[in-house]
């Protein structure tokens, strides 16, 4: 199957956001999609959204994505909420996929969820609720530590470079120290600074 096209993923993302807002489900766009939004463009094939889903949201959520245009499993959502791992909403015609992540119990994600901010994401003036740029940098450093994937470092560096001068570095340092990634942040900050001076 062809990889999902950028405009198809954005259109699907827009629809998913509308569903979450219509159902009153608090959410926060995270992962690569948020890193690209704040940072440098790169290819991404899915979107990660942290959601504060309650059991009463499940049936209306499934109903908002009717077969065959979409795929989401009611059983999968219930299992996901119980076990605390993501569930997918898929658009089979395009291959677009959104991973909805039940709000984790870890202190970093919960505090980031409290700080999330509403921003316009397209030329039409549509808006969504995103993790802050400070928090996505720390989240990407934590993801790098846990997975070893350099993609996360590139994403964090991209946000640092593109948001240079706008970031609250003190807040990032405090959060990075609390999450044991301060050394990695300082190295990344130095690399971003060198890149901007070139």
N, C-alpha and C. Protein backbone atom coordinates (compact mmCIF):
# COMPACT_ATOMS: atom_id res chain seq x y z
N UNK A 1 0.85 -1.20 0.00
CA UNK A 1 0.00 0.00 0.00
C UNK A 1 0.88 1.25 0.00
N UNK A 2 0.42 2.28 -0.73
CA UNK A 2 1.16 3.55 -0.77
C UNK A 2 1.18 4.17 0.61
N UNK A 3 2.30 4.84 0.97
CA UNK A 3 2.29 5.54 2.25
C UNK A 3 1.27 6.68 2.24
N UNK A 4 0.72 6.98 3.41
CA UNK A 4 -0.29 8.04 3.49
C UNK A 4 0.33 9.37 3.06
N UNK A 5 -0.44 10.14 2.30
CA UNK A 5 0.03 11.46 1.86
C UNK A 5 -0.16 12.47 2.98
N UNK A 6 0.70 13.48 2.97
CA UNK A 6 0.70 14.49 4.03
C UNK A 6 -0.69 15.14 4.18
N UNK A 7 -1.30 15.53 3.05
CA UNK A 7 -2.59 16.23 3.12
C UNK A 7 -3.69 15.29 3.63
N UNK A 8 -3.57 13.98 3.32
CA UNK A 8 -4.56 13.02 3.80
C UNK A 8 -4.46 12.85 5.32
N UNK A 9 -3.22 12.79 5.81
CA UNK A 9 -3.03 12.66 7.26
C UNK A 9 -3.55 13.89 7.99
N UNK A 10 -3.29 15.08 7.41
CA UNK A 10 -3.77 16.33 8.05
C UNK A 10 -5.29 16.40 8.06
N UNK A 11 -5.92 15.96 6.97
CA UNK A 11 -7.38 15.97 6.90
C UNK A 11 -7.98 15.01 7.93
N UNK A 12 -7.37 13.83 8.07
CA UNK A 12 -7.83 12.85 9.05
C UNK A 12 -7.61 13.38 10.46
N UNK A 13 -6.43 13.97 10.71
CA UNK A 13 -6.13 14.58 12.00
C UNK A 13 -7.21 15.61 12.36
N UNK A 14 -7.56 16.47 11.38
CA UNK A 14 -8.58 17.51 11.60
C UNK A 14 -9.90 16.89 12.01
N UNK A 15 -10.28 15.79 11.35
CA UNK A 15 -11.55 15.14 11.68
C UNK A 15 -11.51 14.53 13.09
N UNK A 16 -10.40 13.88 13.43
CA UNK A 16 -10.27 13.26 14.76
C UNK A 16 -10.37 14.33 15.85
N UNK A 17 -9.71 15.47 15.63
CA UNK A 17 -9.77 16.58 16.60
C UNK A 17 -11.21 17.06 16.77
N UNK A 18 -11.93 17.20 15.65
CA UNK A 18 -13.33 17.64 15.72
C UNK A 18 -14.17 16.65 16.54
N UNK A 19 -13.94 15.36 16.34
CA UNK A 19 -14.68 14.33 17.09
C UNK A 19 -14.39 14.47 18.58
N UNK A 20 -13.10 14.56 18.94
CA UNK A 20 -12.73 14.67 20.36
C UNK A 20 -13.37 15.90 21.00
N UNK A 21 -13.36 17.02 20.27
CA UNK A 21 -13.92 18.26 20.83
C UNK A 21 -15.44 18.19 20.92
N UNK A 22 -16.08 17.60 19.91
CA UNK A 22 -17.54 17.46 19.96
C UNK A 22 -17.99 16.56 21.11
N UNK A 23 -17.16 15.56 21.43
CA UNK A 23 -17.51 14.64 22.52
C UNK A 23 -17.03 15.13 23.89
N UNK A 24 -16.34 16.27 23.90
CA UNK A 24 -15.85 16.83 25.17
C UNK A 24 -14.74 16.01 25.80
N UNK A 25 -13.91 15.37 24.96
CA UNK A 25 -12.80 14.56 25.47
C UNK A 25 -11.54 15.44 25.50
N UNK A 26 -11.00 15.73 26.69
CA UNK A 26 -9.77 16.52 26.76
C UNK A 26 -8.62 15.77 26.09
N UNK A 27 -7.76 16.48 25.35
CA UNK A 27 -6.70 15.82 24.60
C UNK A 27 -5.48 16.74 24.47
N UNK A 28 -4.38 16.16 24.00
CA UNK A 28 -3.13 16.91 23.78
C UNK A 28 -2.36 16.23 22.65
N UNK A 29 -2.10 16.97 21.58
CA UNK A 29 -1.32 16.44 20.46
C UNK A 29 0.15 16.36 20.89
N UNK A 30 0.76 15.19 20.70
CA UNK A 30 2.14 14.95 21.15
C UNK A 30 2.94 14.30 20.01
N UNK A 31 4.08 13.70 20.34
CA UNK A 31 4.85 12.89 19.40
C UNK A 31 5.42 13.68 18.24
N UNK A 32 5.69 12.93 17.15
CA UNK A 32 6.32 13.51 15.98
C UNK A 32 5.51 14.63 15.36
N UNK A 33 4.18 14.50 15.37
CA UNK A 33 3.33 15.53 14.76
C UNK A 33 3.51 16.87 15.47
N UNK A 34 3.57 16.84 16.82
CA UNK A 34 3.79 18.07 17.59
C UNK A 34 5.20 18.61 17.36
N UNK A 35 6.19 17.69 17.30
CA UNK A 35 7.58 18.12 17.08
C UNK A 35 7.74 18.79 15.72
N UNK A 36 7.05 18.27 14.70
CA UNK A 36 7.09 18.87 13.37
C UNK A 36 6.38 20.22 13.38
N UNK A 37 5.27 20.30 14.11
CA UNK A 37 4.50 21.55 14.20
C UNK A 37 5.38 22.68 14.75
N UNK A 38 6.17 22.39 15.78
CA UNK A 38 7.03 23.41 16.39
C UNK A 38 8.40 23.50 15.73
N UNK A 39 8.82 22.39 15.11
CA UNK A 39 10.21 22.31 14.66
C UNK A 39 10.37 22.24 13.16
N UNK A 40 11.20 21.29 12.72
CA UNK A 40 11.54 21.19 11.30
C UNK A 40 10.71 20.10 10.64
N UNK A 41 10.32 20.33 9.38
CA UNK A 41 9.49 19.34 8.69
C UNK A 41 10.20 18.00 8.53
N UNK A 42 9.47 16.92 8.69
CA UNK A 42 9.96 15.58 8.34
C UNK A 42 8.73 14.73 8.07
N UNK A 43 8.95 13.60 7.47
CA UNK A 43 7.84 12.70 7.16
C UNK A 43 7.35 12.03 8.44
N UNK A 44 6.03 12.00 8.61
CA UNK A 44 5.46 11.20 9.69
C UNK A 44 4.24 10.48 9.13
N UNK A 45 4.03 9.25 9.55
CA UNK A 45 2.94 8.47 8.97
C UNK A 45 1.76 8.31 9.93
N UNK A 46 1.89 8.85 11.14
CA UNK A 46 0.75 8.81 12.05
C UNK A 46 0.81 9.97 13.02
N UNK A 47 -0.22 10.07 13.84
CA UNK A 47 -0.33 11.15 14.82
C UNK A 47 -0.57 10.51 16.19
N UNK A 48 0.09 11.05 17.22
CA UNK A 48 -0.13 10.59 18.60
C UNK A 48 -0.87 11.68 19.37
N UNK A 49 -1.95 11.29 20.02
CA UNK A 49 -2.75 12.23 20.81
C UNK A 49 -3.04 11.61 22.17
N UNK A 50 -2.63 12.28 23.23
CA UNK A 50 -2.98 11.84 24.59
C UNK A 50 -4.43 12.26 24.85
N UNK A 51 -5.24 11.33 25.32
CA UNK A 51 -6.66 11.61 25.55
C UNK A 51 -7.08 11.21 26.97
N UNK A 52 -7.94 12.02 27.55
CA UNK A 52 -8.49 11.70 28.87
C UNK A 52 -9.89 11.11 28.66
N UNK A 53 -9.91 9.85 28.20
CA UNK A 53 -11.16 9.18 27.83
C UNK A 53 -11.79 8.52 29.05
N UNK A 54 -13.09 8.71 29.21
CA UNK A 54 -13.86 8.05 30.27
C UNK A 54 -14.70 6.94 29.62
N UNK A 55 -15.12 5.93 30.40
CA UNK A 55 -15.91 4.83 29.82
C UNK A 55 -17.15 5.30 29.05
N UNK A 56 -17.79 6.40 29.51
CA UNK A 56 -19.01 6.88 28.82
C UNK A 56 -18.71 7.47 27.44
N UNK A 57 -17.44 7.76 27.15
CA UNK A 57 -17.07 8.28 25.83
C UNK A 57 -16.95 7.18 24.77
N UNK A 58 -16.83 5.92 25.20
CA UNK A 58 -16.42 4.87 24.26
C UNK A 58 -17.42 4.67 23.12
N UNK A 59 -18.70 4.46 23.45
CA UNK A 59 -19.68 4.18 22.39
C UNK A 59 -19.82 5.35 21.42
N UNK A 60 -19.95 6.61 21.90
CA UNK A 60 -20.03 7.73 20.95
C UNK A 60 -18.76 7.89 20.11
N UNK A 61 -17.61 7.54 20.69
CA UNK A 61 -16.34 7.63 19.96
C UNK A 61 -16.33 6.62 18.81
N UNK A 62 -16.74 5.41 19.09
CA UNK A 62 -16.80 4.37 18.05
C UNK A 62 -17.81 4.77 16.97
N UNK A 63 -18.96 5.32 17.39
CA UNK A 63 -20.00 5.72 16.43
C UNK A 63 -19.54 6.84 15.50
N UNK A 64 -18.59 7.65 15.96
CA UNK A 64 -18.10 8.78 15.15
C UNK A 64 -17.17 8.32 14.02
N UNK A 65 -16.76 7.05 14.06
CA UNK A 65 -15.86 6.50 13.04
C UNK A 65 -16.49 5.26 12.41
N UNK A 66 -17.55 5.46 11.59
CA UNK A 66 -18.28 4.30 11.06
C UNK A 66 -17.49 3.49 10.04
N UNK A 67 -17.68 2.18 10.10
CA UNK A 67 -17.15 1.25 9.10
C UNK A 67 -17.98 1.46 7.81
N UNK A 68 -17.42 1.39 6.60
CA UNK A 68 -16.05 1.00 6.26
C UNK A 68 -15.08 2.18 6.12
N UNK A 69 -15.57 3.42 6.34
CA UNK A 69 -14.70 4.59 6.14
C UNK A 69 -13.58 4.65 7.17
N UNK A 70 -13.84 4.11 8.35
CA UNK A 70 -12.86 4.15 9.44
C UNK A 70 -12.83 2.79 10.13
N UNK A 71 -11.77 2.61 10.92
CA UNK A 71 -11.73 1.41 11.76
C UNK A 71 -11.30 1.81 13.16
N UNK A 72 -12.13 1.47 14.14
CA UNK A 72 -11.76 1.58 15.55
C UNK A 72 -12.54 0.49 16.28
N UNK A 73 -11.90 -0.14 17.26
CA UNK A 73 -12.52 -1.28 17.94
C UNK A 73 -12.98 -0.88 19.34
N UNK A 74 -14.26 -1.07 19.61
CA UNK A 74 -14.78 -0.78 20.96
C UNK A 74 -14.07 -1.64 22.00
N UNK A 75 -13.90 -2.91 21.67
CA UNK A 75 -13.20 -3.82 22.59
C UNK A 75 -11.75 -3.35 22.80
N UNK A 76 -11.14 -2.89 21.69
CA UNK A 76 -9.76 -2.39 21.76
C UNK A 76 -9.64 -1.18 22.68
N UNK A 77 -10.63 -0.29 22.60
CA UNK A 77 -10.60 0.91 23.46
C UNK A 77 -10.73 0.50 24.93
N UNK A 78 -11.68 -0.39 25.22
CA UNK A 78 -11.89 -0.82 26.61
C UNK A 78 -10.62 -1.47 27.17
N UNK A 79 -10.01 -2.31 26.34
CA UNK A 79 -8.77 -2.98 26.73
C UNK A 79 -7.66 -1.95 26.95
N UNK A 80 -7.60 -0.98 26.05
CA UNK A 80 -6.58 0.07 26.12
C UNK A 80 -6.71 0.88 27.41
N UNK A 81 -7.94 1.24 27.78
CA UNK A 81 -8.15 2.02 29.01
C UNK A 81 -7.76 1.21 30.25
N UNK A 82 -8.04 -0.09 30.19
CA UNK A 82 -7.72 -0.96 31.32
C UNK A 82 -6.20 -1.13 31.48
N UNK A 83 -5.53 -1.34 30.36
CA UNK A 83 -4.09 -1.64 30.39
C UNK A 83 -3.20 -0.41 30.25
N UNK A 84 -3.79 0.71 29.80
CA UNK A 84 -3.02 1.95 29.67
C UNK A 84 -2.10 2.00 28.48
N UNK A 85 -2.50 1.36 27.37
CA UNK A 85 -1.68 1.49 26.16
C UNK A 85 -2.54 2.09 25.03
N UNK A 86 -1.91 2.58 23.94
CA UNK A 86 -2.66 3.30 22.90
C UNK A 86 -3.63 2.40 22.13
N UNK A 87 -4.66 3.03 21.58
CA UNK A 87 -5.52 2.37 20.60
C UNK A 87 -5.53 3.21 19.33
N UNK A 88 -5.80 2.54 18.18
CA UNK A 88 -5.74 3.22 16.88
C UNK A 88 -7.11 3.58 16.36
N UNK A 89 -7.13 4.68 15.61
CA UNK A 89 -8.24 4.97 14.71
C UNK A 89 -7.61 5.04 13.33
N UNK A 90 -8.14 4.24 12.38
CA UNK A 90 -7.53 4.11 11.06
C UNK A 90 -8.54 4.49 9.98
N UNK A 91 -8.02 5.13 8.94
CA UNK A 91 -8.81 5.42 7.74
C UNK A 91 -8.27 4.51 6.63
N UNK A 92 -8.92 3.36 6.41
CA UNK A 92 -8.36 2.36 5.49
C UNK A 92 -8.09 2.87 4.07
N UNK A 93 -8.94 3.78 3.56
CA UNK A 93 -8.78 4.24 2.17
C UNK A 93 -7.46 4.96 1.95
N UNK A 94 -6.96 5.66 2.98
CA UNK A 94 -5.72 6.42 2.82
C UNK A 94 -4.54 5.81 3.58
N UNK A 95 -4.84 4.94 4.56
CA UNK A 95 -3.79 4.41 5.43
C UNK A 95 -3.46 5.35 6.57
N UNK A 96 -4.19 6.46 6.70
CA UNK A 96 -3.95 7.41 7.81
C UNK A 96 -4.30 6.75 9.13
N UNK A 97 -3.46 7.02 10.12
CA UNK A 97 -3.65 6.39 11.44
C UNK A 97 -3.39 7.40 12.54
N UNK A 98 -4.26 7.40 13.53
CA UNK A 98 -4.06 8.21 14.74
C UNK A 98 -3.99 7.26 15.92
N UNK A 99 -2.94 7.40 16.74
CA UNK A 99 -2.82 6.64 17.97
C UNK A 99 -3.34 7.50 19.11
N UNK A 100 -4.37 7.03 19.78
CA UNK A 100 -4.93 7.74 20.94
C UNK A 100 -4.38 7.06 22.20
N UNK A 101 -3.70 7.85 23.02
CA UNK A 101 -2.99 7.33 24.19
C UNK A 101 -3.75 7.73 25.45
N UNK A 102 -4.34 6.77 26.18
CA UNK A 102 -5.00 7.14 27.43
C UNK A 102 -4.04 7.91 28.34
N UNK A 103 -4.52 8.98 28.95
CA UNK A 103 -3.68 9.84 29.78
C UNK A 103 -2.89 9.00 30.79
N UNK A 104 -1.55 8.94 30.64
CA UNK A 104 -0.76 8.09 31.54
C UNK A 104 -0.73 8.64 32.97
N UNK A 105 -0.28 7.78 33.87
CA UNK A 105 -0.22 8.18 35.28
C UNK A 105 1.10 8.87 35.63
N UNK A 106 2.07 8.86 34.71
CA UNK A 106 3.38 9.41 35.08
C UNK A 106 3.28 10.92 35.30
N UNK A 107 4.01 11.44 36.30
CA UNK A 107 3.89 12.86 36.67
C UNK A 107 4.23 13.81 35.53
N UNK A 108 5.23 13.47 34.70
CA UNK A 108 5.62 14.38 33.62
C UNK A 108 4.46 14.60 32.64
N UNK A 109 3.87 13.51 32.15
CA UNK A 109 2.79 13.65 31.16
C UNK A 109 1.59 14.35 31.77
N UNK A 110 1.28 14.03 33.02
CA UNK A 110 0.12 14.66 33.66
C UNK A 110 0.32 16.17 33.82
N UNK A 111 1.54 16.59 34.20
CA UNK A 111 1.78 18.03 34.34
C UNK A 111 1.83 18.70 32.97
N UNK A 112 2.39 18.00 31.95
CA UNK A 112 2.39 18.54 30.58
C UNK A 112 0.95 18.71 30.09
N UNK A 113 0.08 17.78 30.46
CA UNK A 113 -1.33 17.84 30.05
C UNK A 113 -1.99 19.10 30.63
N UNK A 114 -1.62 19.45 31.84
CA UNK A 114 -2.16 20.66 32.47
C UNK A 114 -1.67 21.93 31.77
N UNK A 115 -0.49 21.86 31.18
CA UNK A 115 0.11 23.05 30.53
C UNK A 115 -0.21 23.15 29.04
N UNK A 116 -0.93 22.18 28.49
CA UNK A 116 -1.17 22.16 27.04
C UNK A 116 -1.79 23.48 26.57
N UNK A 117 -1.57 23.80 25.29
CA UNK A 117 -2.04 25.10 24.79
C UNK A 117 -2.72 24.97 23.43
N UNK A 118 -3.69 25.85 23.21
CA UNK A 118 -4.46 25.82 21.96
C UNK A 118 -3.77 26.71 20.93
N UNK A 119 -3.55 26.14 19.74
CA UNK A 119 -2.85 26.86 18.68
C UNK A 119 -3.47 26.57 17.32
N UNK A 120 -3.39 27.54 16.42
CA UNK A 120 -3.83 27.31 15.04
C UNK A 120 -2.84 26.39 14.36
N UNK A 121 -3.35 25.43 13.57
CA UNK A 121 -2.44 24.47 12.92
C UNK A 121 -2.52 24.49 11.40
N UNK A 122 -3.43 25.29 10.83
CA UNK A 122 -3.47 25.36 9.36
C UNK A 122 -3.86 26.74 8.87
N UNK A 123 -3.80 26.91 7.54
CA UNK A 123 -4.06 28.21 6.92
C UNK A 123 -5.52 28.63 7.08
N UNK A 124 -6.40 27.66 7.30
CA UNK A 124 -7.83 27.96 7.45
C UNK A 124 -8.16 28.49 8.85
N UNK A 125 -7.14 28.54 9.72
CA UNK A 125 -7.36 29.06 11.07
C UNK A 125 -7.91 28.05 12.05
N UNK A 126 -7.90 26.76 11.65
CA UNK A 126 -8.37 25.73 12.60
C UNK A 126 -7.34 25.57 13.70
N UNK A 127 -7.82 25.22 14.89
CA UNK A 127 -6.90 25.12 16.03
C UNK A 127 -7.09 23.79 16.75
N UNK A 128 -6.06 23.43 17.52
CA UNK A 128 -6.08 22.19 18.31
C UNK A 128 -5.24 22.43 19.56
N UNK A 129 -5.32 21.49 20.49
CA UNK A 129 -4.60 21.61 21.75
C UNK A 129 -3.33 20.78 21.69
N UNK A 130 -2.19 21.45 21.80
CA UNK A 130 -0.88 20.81 21.66
C UNK A 130 -0.11 20.83 22.98
N UNK A 131 0.78 19.86 23.14
CA UNK A 131 1.80 19.92 24.17
C UNK A 131 2.62 21.18 23.93
N UNK A 132 3.19 21.79 24.96
CA UNK A 132 4.00 23.00 24.76
C UNK A 132 5.34 22.63 24.11
N UNK A 133 6.01 23.59 23.46
CA UNK A 133 7.32 23.28 22.88
C UNK A 133 8.34 22.87 23.93
N UNK A 134 8.26 23.48 25.12
CA UNK A 134 9.19 23.09 26.20
C UNK A 134 8.99 21.63 26.58
N UNK A 135 7.72 21.23 26.70
CA UNK A 135 7.43 19.85 27.12
C UNK A 135 7.73 18.84 26.02
N UNK A 136 7.55 19.20 24.74
CA UNK A 136 7.86 18.24 23.68
C UNK A 136 9.36 17.97 23.63
N UNK A 137 10.18 18.98 23.93
CA UNK A 137 11.64 18.78 23.96
C UNK A 137 11.99 17.74 25.03
N UNK A 138 11.45 17.92 26.23
CA UNK A 138 11.73 16.98 27.32
C UNK A 138 11.15 15.60 27.00
N UNK A 139 9.94 15.57 26.44
CA UNK A 139 9.32 14.29 26.08
C UNK A 139 10.17 13.53 25.07
N UNK A 140 10.74 14.26 24.11
CA UNK A 140 11.58 13.63 23.09
C UNK A 140 12.90 13.12 23.69
N UNK A 141 13.44 13.85 24.65
CA UNK A 141 14.67 13.39 25.32
C UNK A 141 14.39 12.12 26.14
N UNK A 142 13.24 12.08 26.80
CA UNK A 142 12.85 10.88 27.56
C UNK A 142 12.66 9.71 26.58
N UNK A 143 12.00 9.96 25.45
CA UNK A 143 11.78 8.91 24.44
C UNK A 143 13.11 8.39 23.89
N UNK A 144 14.08 9.29 23.70
CA UNK A 144 15.40 8.87 23.22
C UNK A 144 16.08 7.97 24.25
N UNK A 145 15.98 8.36 25.51
CA UNK A 145 16.58 7.54 26.57
C UNK A 145 15.95 6.15 26.61
N UNK A 146 14.64 6.09 26.39
CA UNK A 146 13.93 4.81 26.51
C UNK A 146 14.07 3.93 25.28
N UNK A 147 14.24 4.55 24.09
CA UNK A 147 14.25 3.76 22.85
C UNK A 147 15.62 3.73 22.17
N UNK A 148 16.45 4.75 22.44
CA UNK A 148 17.74 4.84 21.76
C UNK A 148 17.65 5.38 20.34
N UNK A 149 16.43 5.74 19.89
CA UNK A 149 16.26 6.22 18.52
C UNK A 149 16.69 7.68 18.38
N UNK A 150 17.61 7.92 17.44
CA UNK A 150 18.10 9.29 17.22
C UNK A 150 17.04 10.21 16.62
N UNK A 151 15.97 9.63 16.09
CA UNK A 151 14.85 10.43 15.56
C UNK A 151 14.35 11.41 16.62
N UNK A 152 14.29 10.95 17.87
CA UNK A 152 13.79 11.79 18.96
C UNK A 152 14.74 12.96 19.24
N UNK A 153 16.05 12.72 19.16
CA UNK A 153 17.02 13.80 19.34
C UNK A 153 16.90 14.82 18.21
N UNK A 154 16.73 14.34 16.98
CA UNK A 154 16.57 15.25 15.83
C UNK A 154 15.32 16.11 16.01
N UNK A 155 14.23 15.48 16.47
CA UNK A 155 13.00 16.24 16.69
C UNK A 155 13.20 17.32 17.75
N UNK A 156 13.84 16.95 18.87
CA UNK A 156 14.06 17.91 19.96
C UNK A 156 14.96 19.06 19.49
N UNK A 157 16.01 18.72 18.73
CA UNK A 157 16.91 19.76 18.22
C UNK A 157 16.16 20.69 17.26
N UNK A 158 15.30 20.11 16.42
CA UNK A 158 14.51 20.91 15.47
C UNK A 158 13.63 21.92 16.18
N UNK A 159 13.00 21.50 17.28
CA UNK A 159 12.15 22.43 18.06
C UNK A 159 13.02 23.52 18.69
N UNK A 160 14.16 23.13 19.24
CA UNK A 160 15.08 24.12 19.84
C UNK A 160 15.50 25.18 18.82
N UNK A 161 15.87 24.73 17.63
CA UNK A 161 16.36 25.65 16.59
C UNK A 161 15.23 26.57 16.11
N UNK A 162 14.07 25.99 15.81
CA UNK A 162 12.97 26.77 15.22
C UNK A 162 12.29 27.69 16.24
N UNK A 163 12.34 27.31 17.52
CA UNK A 163 11.69 28.13 18.57
C UNK A 163 12.71 28.95 19.37
N UNK A 164 13.94 29.03 18.87
CA UNK A 164 15.03 29.71 19.58
C UNK A 164 14.60 31.13 19.96
N UNK A 165 14.85 31.51 21.20
CA UNK A 165 14.48 32.85 21.67
C UNK A 165 13.07 32.93 22.22
N UNK A 166 12.26 31.92 21.93
CA UNK A 166 10.86 31.92 22.42
C UNK A 166 10.67 30.97 23.60
N UNK A 167 11.66 30.10 23.82
CA UNK A 167 11.49 29.03 24.81
C UNK A 167 11.85 29.49 26.22
N UNK A 168 11.17 28.89 27.19
CA UNK A 168 11.51 29.10 28.60
C UNK A 168 12.55 28.04 28.99
N UNK A 169 13.83 28.40 28.84
CA UNK A 169 14.91 27.43 29.07
C UNK A 169 14.97 26.99 30.52
N UNK A 170 14.63 27.88 31.43
CA UNK A 170 14.61 27.53 32.87
C UNK A 170 13.61 26.42 33.15
N UNK A 171 12.42 26.52 32.54
CA UNK A 171 11.39 25.50 32.72
C UNK A 171 11.85 24.17 32.13
N UNK A 172 12.51 24.23 30.96
CA UNK A 172 13.00 22.99 30.33
C UNK A 172 14.06 22.35 31.24
N UNK A 173 14.98 23.17 31.76
CA UNK A 173 16.04 22.63 32.62
C UNK A 173 15.47 21.97 33.88
N UNK A 174 14.48 22.61 34.49
CA UNK A 174 13.87 22.04 35.71
C UNK A 174 13.22 20.69 35.40
N UNK A 175 12.48 20.67 34.29
CA UNK A 175 11.79 19.43 33.90
C UNK A 175 12.80 18.36 33.48
N UNK A 176 13.83 18.77 32.74
CA UNK A 176 14.86 17.82 32.30
C UNK A 176 15.59 17.22 33.51
N UNK A 177 15.88 18.06 34.50
CA UNK A 177 16.56 17.57 35.71
C UNK A 177 15.65 16.57 36.44
N UNK A 178 14.37 16.92 36.59
CA UNK A 178 13.43 16.04 37.30
C UNK A 178 13.27 14.70 36.58
N UNK A 179 13.45 14.71 35.25
CA UNK A 179 13.28 13.48 34.46
C UNK A 179 14.60 12.85 34.04
N UNK A 180 15.69 13.34 34.66
CA UNK A 180 17.03 12.76 34.49
C UNK A 180 17.52 12.79 33.04
N UNK A 181 17.22 13.91 32.35
CA UNK A 181 17.75 14.08 30.98
C UNK A 181 18.42 15.45 30.83
N UNK A 182 18.85 16.04 31.95
CA UNK A 182 19.44 17.38 31.90
C UNK A 182 20.73 17.41 31.09
N UNK A 183 21.57 16.41 31.28
CA UNK A 183 22.84 16.36 30.56
C UNK A 183 22.60 16.31 29.04
N UNK A 184 21.63 15.50 28.63
CA UNK A 184 21.30 15.40 27.21
C UNK A 184 20.75 16.73 26.68
N UNK A 185 19.95 17.40 27.52
CA UNK A 185 19.40 18.69 27.09
C UNK A 185 20.51 19.72 26.89
N UNK A 186 21.44 19.78 27.84
CA UNK A 186 22.52 20.78 27.73
C UNK A 186 23.37 20.53 26.47
N UNK A 187 23.62 19.26 26.17
CA UNK A 187 24.39 18.92 24.96
C UNK A 187 23.62 19.33 23.71
N UNK A 188 22.32 19.11 23.72
CA UNK A 188 21.47 19.46 22.58
C UNK A 188 21.40 20.98 22.41
N UNK A 189 21.30 21.68 23.52
CA UNK A 189 21.24 23.15 23.51
C UNK A 189 22.50 23.73 22.90
N UNK A 190 23.64 23.16 23.29
CA UNK A 190 24.93 23.62 22.76
C UNK A 190 25.01 23.37 21.25
N UNK A 191 24.56 22.19 20.81
CA UNK A 191 24.58 21.86 19.39
C UNK A 191 23.66 22.78 18.59
N UNK A 192 22.48 23.07 19.14
CA UNK A 192 21.53 23.97 18.46
C UNK A 192 22.11 25.37 18.37
N UNK A 193 22.77 25.81 19.44
CA UNK A 193 23.38 27.15 19.47
C UNK A 193 24.47 27.26 18.40
N UNK A 194 25.29 26.21 18.29
CA UNK A 194 26.36 26.20 17.27
C UNK A 194 25.75 26.26 15.87
N UNK A 195 24.68 25.50 15.68
CA UNK A 195 24.03 25.45 14.36
C UNK A 195 23.49 26.83 13.97
N UNK A 196 22.92 27.52 14.94
CA UNK A 196 22.35 28.85 14.66
C UNK A 196 23.42 29.91 14.41
N UNK A 197 24.62 29.69 14.94
CA UNK A 197 25.70 30.66 14.74
C UNK A 197 26.44 30.47 13.42
N UNK A 198 26.25 29.30 12.80
CA UNK A 198 26.96 29.01 11.55
C UNK A 198 26.47 29.89 10.40
